[in-house]
Amino acid sequence: MLNTLEELINLIRDRKKSFNEVSYTKKLLDDKKLSVAKVKEEISELIEAVENKSNTVHEAADVFYHLVVYLEANNINIEDVMAELEKRKK
């Protein structure tokens, strides 16, 4: 299960390094305004889906994807986020 998240992170990082990549992910990485707009949009859609009890898993996946892209676009490493969460367990 967590392998999927790790693979997604690696894919996003590969796209970030690529200069010739033509993909939605690369577009989000290169356009920070678009990336933040998508995070806000997807969170809003998730909240609506939860309230309507429909399509929640799909919308949650969209939030995860767009959030990880946004973090990478802003040089925030998921490993640092995980380390912060680990500290909070205590």
PDB file of N, CA and C in Angstrom:
ATOM      1  N   MET A   1       0.821  -1.191   0.000  1.00  0.00           N
ATOM      2  CA  MET A   1       0.000   0.000   0.000  1.00  0.00           C
ATOM      3  C   MET A   1       0.866   1.256   0.000  1.00  0.00           C
ATOM      4  N   LEU A   2       1.794   1.348   0.933  1.00  0.00           N
ATOM      5  CA  LEU A   2       2.662   2.526   0.976  1.00  0.00           C
ATOM      6  C   LEU A   2       3.632   2.552  -0.198  1.00  0.00           C
ATOM      7  N   ASN A   3       3.836   1.406  -0.848  1.00  0.00           N
ATOM      8  CA  ASN A   3       4.660   1.374  -2.052  1.00  0.00           C
ATOM      9  C   ASN A   3       4.073   2.266  -3.131  1.00  0.00           C
ATOM     10  N   THR A   4       2.770   2.300  -3.229  1.00  0.00           N
ATOM     11  CA  THR A   4       2.109   3.132  -4.227  1.00  0.00           C
ATOM     12  C   THR A   4       2.418   4.604  -3.995  1.00  0.00           C
ATOM     13  N   LEU A   5       2.387   5.023  -2.747  1.00  0.00           N
ATOM     14  CA  LEU A   5       2.707   6.409  -2.419  1.00  0.00           C
ATOM     15  C   LEU A   5       4.174   6.705  -2.730  1.00  0.00           C
ATOM     16  N   GLU A   6       5.047   5.779  -2.382  1.00  0.00           N
ATOM     17  CA  GLU A   6       6.472   5.960  -2.678  1.00  0.00           C
ATOM     18  C   GLU A   6       6.716   6.034  -4.185  1.00  0.00           C
ATOM     19  N   GLU A   7       6.047   5.195  -4.948  1.00  0.00           N
ATOM     20  CA  GLU A   7       6.176   5.229  -6.404  1.00  0.00           C
ATOM     21  C   GLU A   7       5.672   6.554  -6.961  1.00  0.00           C
ATOM     22  N   LEU A   8       4.585   7.059  -6.409  1.00  0.00           N
ATOM     23  CA  LEU A   8       4.051   8.351  -6.847  1.00  0.00           C
ATOM     24  C   LEU A   8       5.061   9.465  -6.575  1.00  0.00           C
ATOM     25  N   ILE A   9       5.635   9.471  -5.395  1.00  0.00           N
ATOM     26  CA  ILE A   9       6.633  10.482  -5.029  1.00  0.00           C
ATOM     27  C   ILE A   9       7.822  10.408  -5.982  1.00  0.00           C
ATOM     28  N   ASN A  10       8.303   9.205  -6.259  1.00  0.00           N
ATOM     29  CA  ASN A  10       9.431   9.040  -7.174  1.00  0.00           C
ATOM     30  C   ASN A  10       9.091   9.510  -8.582  1.00  0.00           C
ATOM     31  N   LEU A  11       7.889   9.217  -9.042  1.00  0.00           N
ATOM     32  CA  LEU A  11       7.450   9.665 -10.360  1.00  0.00           C
ATOM     33  C   LEU A  11       7.417  11.192 -10.424  1.00  0.00           C
ATOM     34  N   ILE A  12       6.862  11.814  -9.401  1.00  0.00           N
ATOM     35  CA  ILE A  12       6.787  13.274  -9.356  1.00  0.00           C
ATOM     36  C   ILE A  12       8.189  13.875  -9.355  1.00  0.00           C
ATOM     37  N   ARG A  13       9.095  13.295  -8.583  1.00  0.00           N
ATOM     38  CA  ARG A  13      10.478  13.789  -8.541  1.00  0.00           C
ATOM     39  C   ARG A  13      11.180  13.613  -9.885  1.00  0.00           C
ATOM     40  N   ASP A  14      10.902  12.519 -10.565  1.00  0.00           N
ATOM     41  CA  ASP A  14      11.470  12.320 -11.903  1.00  0.00           C
ATOM     42  C   ASP A  14      10.955  13.383 -12.872  1.00  0.00           C
ATOM     43  N   ARG A  15       9.671  13.648 -12.804  1.00  0.00           N
ATOM     44  CA  ARG A  15       9.088  14.672 -13.683  1.00  0.00           C
ATOM     45  C   ARG A  15       9.652  16.053 -13.364  1.00  0.00           C
ATOM     46  N   LYS A  16       9.906  16.294 -12.101  1.00  0.00           N
ATOM     47  CA  LYS A  16      10.462  17.589 -11.676  1.00  0.00           C
ATOM     48  C   LYS A  16      11.842  17.819 -12.289  1.00  0.00           C
ATOM     49  N   LYS A  17      12.645  16.767 -12.383  1.00  0.00           N
ATOM     50  CA  LYS A  17      14.001  16.870 -12.927  1.00  0.00           C
ATOM     51  C   LYS A  17      14.028  16.954 -14.450  1.00  0.00           C
ATOM     52  N   SER A  18      12.957  16.510 -15.086  1.00  0.00           N
ATOM     53  CA  SER A  18      12.914  16.425 -16.539  1.00  0.00           C
ATOM     54  C   SER A  18      12.727  17.805 -17.166  1.00  0.00           C
ATOM     55  N   PHE A  19      13.450  18.029 -18.253  1.00  0.00           N
ATOM     56  CA  PHE A  19      13.313  19.295 -18.971  1.00  0.00           C
ATOM     57  C   PHE A  19      12.388  19.170 -20.168  1.00  0.00           C
ATOM     58  N   ASN A  20      12.250  17.987 -20.715  1.00  0.00           N
ATOM     59  CA  ASN A  20      11.460  17.784 -21.920  1.00  0.00           C
ATOM     60  C   ASN A  20      10.122  17.120 -21.658  1.00  0.00           C
ATOM     61  N   GLU A  21       9.824  16.867 -20.411  1.00  0.00           N
ATOM     62  CA  GLU A  21       8.594  16.161 -20.048  1.00  0.00           C
ATOM     63  C   GLU A  21       7.376  17.012 -20.377  1.00  0.00           C
ATOM     64  N   VAL A  22       6.423  16.408 -21.052  1.00  0.00           N
ATOM     65  CA  VAL A  22       5.141  17.058 -21.315  1.00  0.00           C
ATOM     66  C   VAL A  22       4.091  16.218 -20.604  1.00  0.00           C
ATOM     67  N   SER A  23       3.707  16.669 -19.419  1.00  0.00           N
ATOM     68  CA  SER A  23       2.720  15.926 -18.647  1.00  0.00           C
ATOM     69  C   SER A  23       1.983  16.885 -17.731  1.00  0.00           C
ATOM     70  N   TYR A  24       0.857  16.438 -17.246  1.00  0.00           N
ATOM     71  CA  TYR A  24       0.073  17.238 -16.300  1.00  0.00           C
ATOM     72  C   TYR A  24       0.885  17.492 -15.032  1.00  0.00           C
ATOM     73  N   THR A  25       1.586  16.485 -14.568  1.00  0.00           N
ATOM     74  CA  THR A  25       2.399  16.636 -13.361  1.00  0.00           C
ATOM     75  C   THR A  25       3.464  17.706 -13.560  1.00  0.00           C
ATOM     76  N   LYS A  26       4.171  17.665 -14.680  1.00  0.00           N
ATOM     77  CA  LYS A  26       5.207  18.655 -14.963  1.00  0.00           C
ATOM     78  C   LYS A  26       4.602  20.057 -15.046  1.00  0.00           C
ATOM     79  N   LYS A  27       3.426  20.162 -15.637  1.00  0.00           N
ATOM     80  CA  LYS A  27       2.747  21.457 -15.726  1.00  0.00           C
ATOM     81  C   LYS A  27       2.463  22.015 -14.328  1.00  0.00           C
ATOM     82  N   LEU A  28       1.981  21.153 -13.429  1.00  0.00           N
ATOM     83  CA  LEU A  28       1.718  21.579 -12.053  1.00  0.00           C
ATOM     84  C   LEU A  28       3.007  21.966 -11.328  1.00  0.00           C
ATOM     85  N   LEU A  29       4.060  21.215 -11.547  1.00  0.00           N
ATOM     86  CA  LEU A  29       5.339  21.505 -10.904  1.00  0.00           C
ATOM     87  C   LEU A  29       5.904  22.849 -11.356  1.00  0.00           C
ATOM     88  N   ASP A  30       5.687  23.174 -12.611  1.00  0.00           N
ATOM     89  CA  ASP A  30       6.240  24.405 -13.176  1.00  0.00           C
ATOM     90  C   ASP A  30       5.369  25.629 -12.941  1.00  0.00           C
ATOM     91  N   ASP A  31       4.097  25.414 -12.635  1.00  0.00           N
ATOM     92  CA  ASP A  31       3.160  26.535 -12.449  1.00  0.00           C
ATOM     93  C   ASP A  31       2.602  26.478 -11.027  1.00  0.00           C
ATOM     94  N   LYS A  32       3.266  27.170 -10.116  1.00  0.00           N
ATOM     95  CA  LYS A  32       2.890  27.081  -8.701  1.00  0.00           C
ATOM     96  C   LYS A  32       1.500  27.647  -8.428  1.00  0.00           C
ATOM     97  N   LYS A  33       1.079  28.639  -9.192  1.00  0.00           N
ATOM     98  CA  LYS A  33      -0.278  29.175  -9.011  1.00  0.00           C
ATOM     99  C   LYS A  33      -1.316  28.121  -9.377  1.00  0.00           C
ATOM    100  N   LEU A  34      -1.068  27.420 -10.457  1.00  0.00           N
ATOM    101  CA  LEU A  34      -1.978  26.344 -10.858  1.00  0.00           C
ATOM    102  C   LEU A  34      -1.976  25.240  -9.802  1.00  0.00           C
ATOM    103  N   SER A  35      -0.803  24.902  -9.305  1.00  0.00           N
ATOM    104  CA  SER A  35      -0.693  23.840  -8.312  1.00  0.00           C
ATOM    105  C   SER A  35      -1.474  24.171  -7.047  1.00  0.00           C
ATOM    106  N   VAL A  36      -1.315  25.374  -6.528  1.00  0.00           N
ATOM    107  CA  VAL A  36      -2.049  25.740  -5.309  1.00  0.00           C
ATOM    108  C   VAL A  36      -3.551  25.805  -5.580  1.00  0.00           C
ATOM    109  N   ALA A  37      -3.929  26.274  -6.750  1.00  0.00           N
ATOM    110  CA  ALA A  37      -5.357  26.318  -7.103  1.00  0.00           C
ATOM    111  C   ALA A  37      -5.948  24.910  -7.140  1.00  0.00           C
ATOM    112  N   LYS A  38      -5.184  23.953  -7.674  1.00  0.00           N
ATOM    113  CA  LYS A  38      -5.667  22.578  -7.741  1.00  0.00           C
ATOM    114  C   LYS A  38      -5.779  21.951  -6.355  1.00  0.00           C
ATOM    115  N   VAL A  39      -4.825  22.243  -5.460  1.00  0.00           N
ATOM    116  CA  VAL A  39      -4.920  21.714  -4.095  1.00  0.00           C
ATOM    117  C   VAL A  39      -6.195  22.230  -3.447  1.00  0.00           C
ATOM    118  N   LYS A  40      -6.437  23.517  -3.561  1.00  0.00           N
ATOM    119  CA  LYS A  40      -7.647  24.106  -2.974  1.00  0.00           C
ATOM    120  C   LYS A  40      -8.911  23.505  -3.588  1.00  0.00           C
ATOM    121  N   GLU A  41      -8.903  23.357  -4.894  1.00  0.00           N
ATOM    122  CA  GLU A  41     -10.065  22.791  -5.585  1.00  0.00           C
ATOM    123  C   GLU A  41     -10.326  21.357  -5.147  1.00  0.00           C
ATOM    124  N   GLU A  42      -9.277  20.564  -5.084  1.00  0.00           N
ATOM    125  CA  GLU A  42      -9.442  19.152  -4.741  1.00  0.00           C
ATOM    126  C   GLU A  42      -9.866  18.964  -3.285  1.00  0.00           C
ATOM    127  N   ILE A  43      -9.358  19.789  -2.387  1.00  0.00           N
ATOM    128  CA  ILE A  43      -9.799  19.708  -0.990  1.00  0.00           C
ATOM    129  C   ILE A  43     -11.271  20.065  -0.887  1.00  0.00           C
ATOM    130  N   SER A  44     -11.675  21.082  -1.607  1.00  0.00           N
ATOM    131  CA  SER A  44     -13.083  21.475  -1.625  1.00  0.00           C
ATOM    132  C   SER A  44     -13.961  20.337  -2.160  1.00  0.00           C
ATOM    133  N   GLU A  45     -13.498  19.697  -3.232  1.00  0.00           N
ATOM    134  CA  GLU A  45     -14.250  18.581  -3.805  1.00  0.00           C
ATOM    135  C   GLU A  45     -14.323  17.401  -2.837  1.00  0.00           C
ATOM    136  N   LEU A  46     -13.250  17.163  -2.083  1.00  0.00           N
ATOM    137  CA  LEU A  46     -13.268  16.083  -1.094  1.00  0.00           C
ATOM    138  C   LEU A  46     -14.275  16.384   0.009  1.00  0.00           C
ATOM    139  N   ILE A  47     -14.279  17.606   0.492  1.00  0.00           N
ATOM    140  CA  ILE A  47     -15.235  17.982   1.541  1.00  0.00           C
ATOM    141  C   ILE A  47     -16.667  17.787   1.043  1.00  0.00           C
ATOM    142  N   GLU A  48     -16.922  18.209  -0.178  1.00  0.00           N
ATOM    143  CA  GLU A  48     -18.261  18.037  -0.762  1.00  0.00           C
ATOM    144  C   GLU A  48     -18.604  16.552  -0.907  1.00  0.00           C
ATOM    145  N   ALA A  49     -17.640  15.759  -1.336  1.00  0.00           N
ATOM    146  CA  ALA A  49     -17.880  14.326  -1.502  1.00  0.00           C
ATOM    147  C   ALA A  49     -18.183  13.660  -0.165  1.00  0.00           C
ATOM    148  N   VAL A  50     -17.467  14.042   0.879  1.00  0.00           N
ATOM    149  CA  VAL A  50     -17.713  13.481   2.210  1.00  0.00           C
ATOM    150  C   VAL A  50     -19.103  13.873   2.687  1.00  0.00           C
ATOM    151  N   GLU A  51     -19.451  15.131   2.498  1.00  0.00           N
ATOM    152  CA  GLU A  51     -20.778  15.595   2.923  1.00  0.00           C
ATOM    153  C   GLU A  51     -21.890  14.885   2.169  1.00  0.00           C
ATOM    154  N   ASN A  52     -21.645  14.581   0.886  1.00  0.00           N
ATOM    155  CA  ASN A  52     -22.654  13.904   0.063  1.00  0.00           C
ATOM    156  C   ASN A  52     -22.520  12.383   0.101  1.00  0.00           C
ATOM    157  N   LYS A  53     -21.512  11.905   0.824  1.00  0.00           N
ATOM    158  CA  LYS A  53     -21.253  10.466   0.934  1.00  0.00           C
ATOM    159  C   LYS A  53     -21.151   9.790  -0.432  1.00  0.00           C
ATOM    160  N   SER A  54     -20.386  10.434  -1.328  1.00  0.00           N
ATOM    161  CA  SER A  54     -20.194   9.852  -2.653  1.00  0.00           C
ATOM    162  C   SER A  54     -18.812  10.213  -3.197  1.00  0.00           C
ATOM    163  N   ASN A  55     -18.200   9.267  -3.864  1.00  0.00           N
ATOM    164  CA  ASN A  55     -16.948   9.506  -4.576  1.00  0.00           C
ATOM    165  C   ASN A  55     -15.795   9.924  -3.654  1.00  0.00           C
ATOM    166  N   THR A  56     -15.862   9.560  -2.395  1.00  0.00           N
ATOM    167  CA  THR A  56     -14.878  10.035  -1.425  1.00  0.00           C
ATOM    168  C   THR A  56     -13.465   9.504  -1.690  1.00  0.00           C
ATOM    169  N   VAL A  57     -13.350   8.241  -2.052  1.00  0.00           N
ATOM    170  CA  VAL A  57     -12.027   7.654  -2.282  1.00  0.00           C
ATOM    171  C   VAL A  57     -11.351   8.319  -3.477  1.00  0.00           C
ATOM    172  N   HIS A  58     -12.089   8.522  -4.541  1.00  0.00           N
ATOM    173  CA  HIS A  58     -11.552   9.190  -5.735  1.00  0.00           C
ATOM    174  C   HIS A  58     -11.063  10.597  -5.390  1.00  0.00           C
ATOM    175  N   GLU A  59     -11.873  11.339  -4.676  1.00  0.00           N
ATOM    176  CA  GLU A  59     -11.512  12.710  -4.323  1.00  0.00           C
ATOM    177  C   GLU A  59     -10.346  12.751  -3.343  1.00  0.00           C
ATOM    178  N   ALA A  60     -10.290  11.800  -2.417  1.00  0.00           N
ATOM    179  CA  ALA A  60      -9.163  11.737  -1.482  1.00  0.00           C
ATOM    180  C   ALA A  60      -7.867  11.441  -2.238  1.00  0.00           C
ATOM    181  N   ALA A  61      -7.925  10.565  -3.216  1.00  0.00           N
ATOM    182  CA  ALA A  61      -6.746  10.270  -4.034  1.00  0.00           C
ATOM    183  C   ALA A  61      -6.282  11.516  -4.780  1.00  0.00           C
ATOM    184  N   ASP A  62      -7.233  12.287  -5.303  1.00  0.00           N
ATOM    185  CA  ASP A  62      -6.883  13.540  -5.983  1.00  0.00           C
ATOM    186  C   ASP A  62      -6.185  14.506  -5.032  1.00  0.00           C
ATOM    187  N   VAL A  63      -6.659  14.584  -3.796  1.00  0.00           N
ATOM    188  CA  VAL A  63      -6.033  15.469  -2.800  1.00  0.00           C
ATOM    189  C   VAL A  63      -4.603  15.012  -2.533  1.00  0.00           C
ATOM    190  N   PHE A  64      -4.397  13.715  -2.309  1.00  0.00           N
ATOM    191  CA  PHE A  64      -3.051  13.197  -2.064  1.00  0.00           C
ATOM    192  C   PHE A  64      -2.114  13.561  -3.212  1.00  0.00           C
ATOM    193  N   TYR A  65      -2.543  13.264  -4.423  1.00  0.00           N
ATOM    194  CA  TYR A  65      -1.713  13.536  -5.603  1.00  0.00           C
ATOM    195  C   TYR A  65      -1.348  15.017  -5.696  1.00  0.00           C
ATOM    196  N   HIS A  66      -2.353  15.878  -5.653  1.00  0.00           N
ATOM    197  CA  HIS A  66      -2.090  17.309  -5.816  1.00  0.00           C
ATOM    198  C   HIS A  66      -1.284  17.885  -4.658  1.00  0.00           C
ATOM    199  N   LEU A  67      -1.493  17.376  -3.457  1.00  0.00           N
ATOM    200  CA  LEU A  67      -0.718  17.845  -2.315  1.00  0.00           C
ATOM    201  C   LEU A  67       0.753  17.462  -2.450  1.00  0.00           C
ATOM    202  N   VAL A  68       1.024  16.230  -2.850  1.00  0.00           N
ATOM    203  CA  VAL A  68       2.411  15.794  -3.013  1.00  0.00           C
ATOM    204  C   VAL A  68       3.089  16.597  -4.122  1.00  0.00           C
ATOM    205  N   VAL A  69       2.394  16.849  -5.216  1.00  0.00           N
ATOM    206  CA  VAL A  69       2.958  17.672  -6.289  1.00  0.00           C
ATOM    207  C   VAL A  69       3.251  19.075  -5.766  1.00  0.00           C
ATOM    208  N   TYR A  70       2.316  19.655  -5.023  1.00  0.00           N
ATOM    209  CA  TYR A  70       2.504  20.998  -4.465  1.00  0.00           C
ATOM    210  C   TYR A  70       3.710  21.045  -3.528  1.00  0.00           C
ATOM    211  N   LEU A  71       3.841  20.045  -2.667  1.00  0.00           N
ATOM    212  CA  LEU A  71       4.985  19.988  -1.761  1.00  0.00           C
ATOM    213  C   LEU A  71       6.291  19.924  -2.547  1.00  0.00           C
ATOM    214  N   GLU A  72       6.353  19.049  -3.525  1.00  0.00           N
ATOM    215  CA  GLU A  72       7.565  18.916  -4.338  1.00  0.00           C
ATOM    216  C   GLU A  72       7.862  20.197  -5.121  1.00  0.00           C
ATOM    217  N   ALA A  73       6.838  20.836  -5.635  1.00  0.00           N
ATOM    218  CA  ALA A  73       7.032  22.079  -6.386  1.00  0.00           C
ATOM    219  C   ALA A  73       7.640  23.164  -5.509  1.00  0.00           C
ATOM    220  N   ASN A  74       7.392  23.071  -4.221  1.00  0.00           N
ATOM    221  CA  ASN A  74       7.887  24.068  -3.267  1.00  0.00           C
ATOM    222  C   ASN A  74       9.045  23.545  -2.419  1.00  0.00           C
ATOM    223  N   ASN A  75       9.663  22.471  -2.904  1.00  0.00           N
ATOM    224  CA  ASN A  75      10.848  21.888  -2.262  1.00  0.00           C
ATOM    225  C   ASN A  75      10.619  21.516  -0.801  1.00  0.00           C
ATOM    226  N   ILE A  76       9.438  21.008  -0.535  1.00  0.00           N
ATOM    227  CA  ILE A  76       9.112  20.476   0.792  1.00  0.00           C
ATOM    228  C   ILE A  76       9.135  18.954   0.659  1.00  0.00           C
ATOM    229  N   ASN A  77      10.105  18.324   1.283  1.00  0.00           N
ATOM    230  CA  ASN A  77      10.278  16.880   1.149  1.00  0.00           C
ATOM    231  C   ASN A  77       9.273  16.136   2.014  1.00  0.00           C
ATOM    232  N   ILE A  78       8.650  15.142   1.427  1.00  0.00           N
ATOM    233  CA  ILE A  78       7.692  14.319   2.153  1.00  0.00           C
ATOM    234  C   ILE A  78       8.388  13.615   3.326  1.00  0.00           C
ATOM    235  N   GLU A  79       9.668  13.328   3.178  1.00  0.00           N
ATOM    236  CA  GLU A  79      10.417  12.698   4.273  1.00  0.00           C
ATOM    237  C   GLU A  79      10.456  13.616   5.498  1.00  0.00           C
ATOM    238  N   ASP A  80      10.573  14.921   5.266  1.00  0.00           N
ATOM    239  CA  ASP A  80      10.561  15.876   6.377  1.00  0.00           C
ATOM    240  C   ASP A  80       9.183  15.947   7.031  1.00  0.00           C
ATOM    241  N   VAL A  81       8.146  15.853   6.211  1.00  0.00           N
ATOM    242  CA  VAL A  81       6.780  15.843   6.741  1.00  0.00           C
ATOM    243  C   VAL A  81       6.574  14.588   7.584  1.00  0.00           C
ATOM    244  N   MET A  82       7.042  13.456   7.087  1.00  0.00           N
ATOM    245  CA  MET A  82       6.909  12.202   7.831  1.00  0.00           C
ATOM    246  C   MET A  82       7.691  12.266   9.142  1.00  0.00           C
ATOM    247  N   ALA A  83       8.870  12.873   9.121  1.00  0.00           N
ATOM    248  CA  ALA A  83       9.670  13.014  10.347  1.00  0.00           C
ATOM    249  C   ALA A  83       8.931  13.883  11.365  1.00  0.00           C
ATOM    250  N   GLU A  84       8.275  14.917  10.891  1.00  0.00           N
ATOM    251  CA  GLU A  84       7.489  15.778  11.796  1.00  0.00           C
ATOM    252  C   GLU A  84       6.326  14.999  12.394  1.00  0.00           C
ATOM    253  N   LEU A  85       5.655  14.203  11.589  1.00  0.00           N
ATOM    254  CA  LEU A  85       4.563  13.390  12.116  1.00  0.00           C
ATOM    255  C   LEU A  85       5.075  12.366  13.122  1.00  0.00           C
ATOM    256  N   GLU A  86       6.250  11.808  12.851  1.00  0.00           N
ATOM    257  CA  GLU A  86       6.858  10.847  13.777  1.00  0.00           C
ATOM    258  C   GLU A  86       7.118  11.505  15.134  1.00  0.00           C
ATOM    259  N   LYS A  87       7.618  12.751  15.119  1.00  0.00           N
ATOM    260  CA  LYS A  87       7.867  13.482  16.370  1.00  0.00           C
ATOM    261  C   LYS A  87       6.577  13.690  17.150  1.00  0.00           C
ATOM    262  N   ARG A  88       5.481  13.877  16.470  1.00  0.00           N
ATOM    263  CA  ARG A  88       4.207  14.173  17.120  1.00  0.00           C
ATOM    264  C   ARG A  88       3.596  12.950  17.793  1.00  0.00           C
ATOM    265  N   LYS A  89       4.093  11.774  17.510  1.00  0.00           N
ATOM    266  CA  LYS A  89       3.573  10.557  18.139  1.00  0.00           C
ATOM    267  C   LYS A  89       3.911  10.490  19.613  1.00  0.00           C
ATOM    268  N   LYS A  90       4.916  11.220  20.024  1.00  0.00           N
ATOM    269  CA  LYS A  90       5.415  11.111  21.400  1.00  0.00           C
ATOM    270  C   LYS A  90       4.638  11.971  22.350  1.00  0.00           C
TER     271      LYS A  90
END
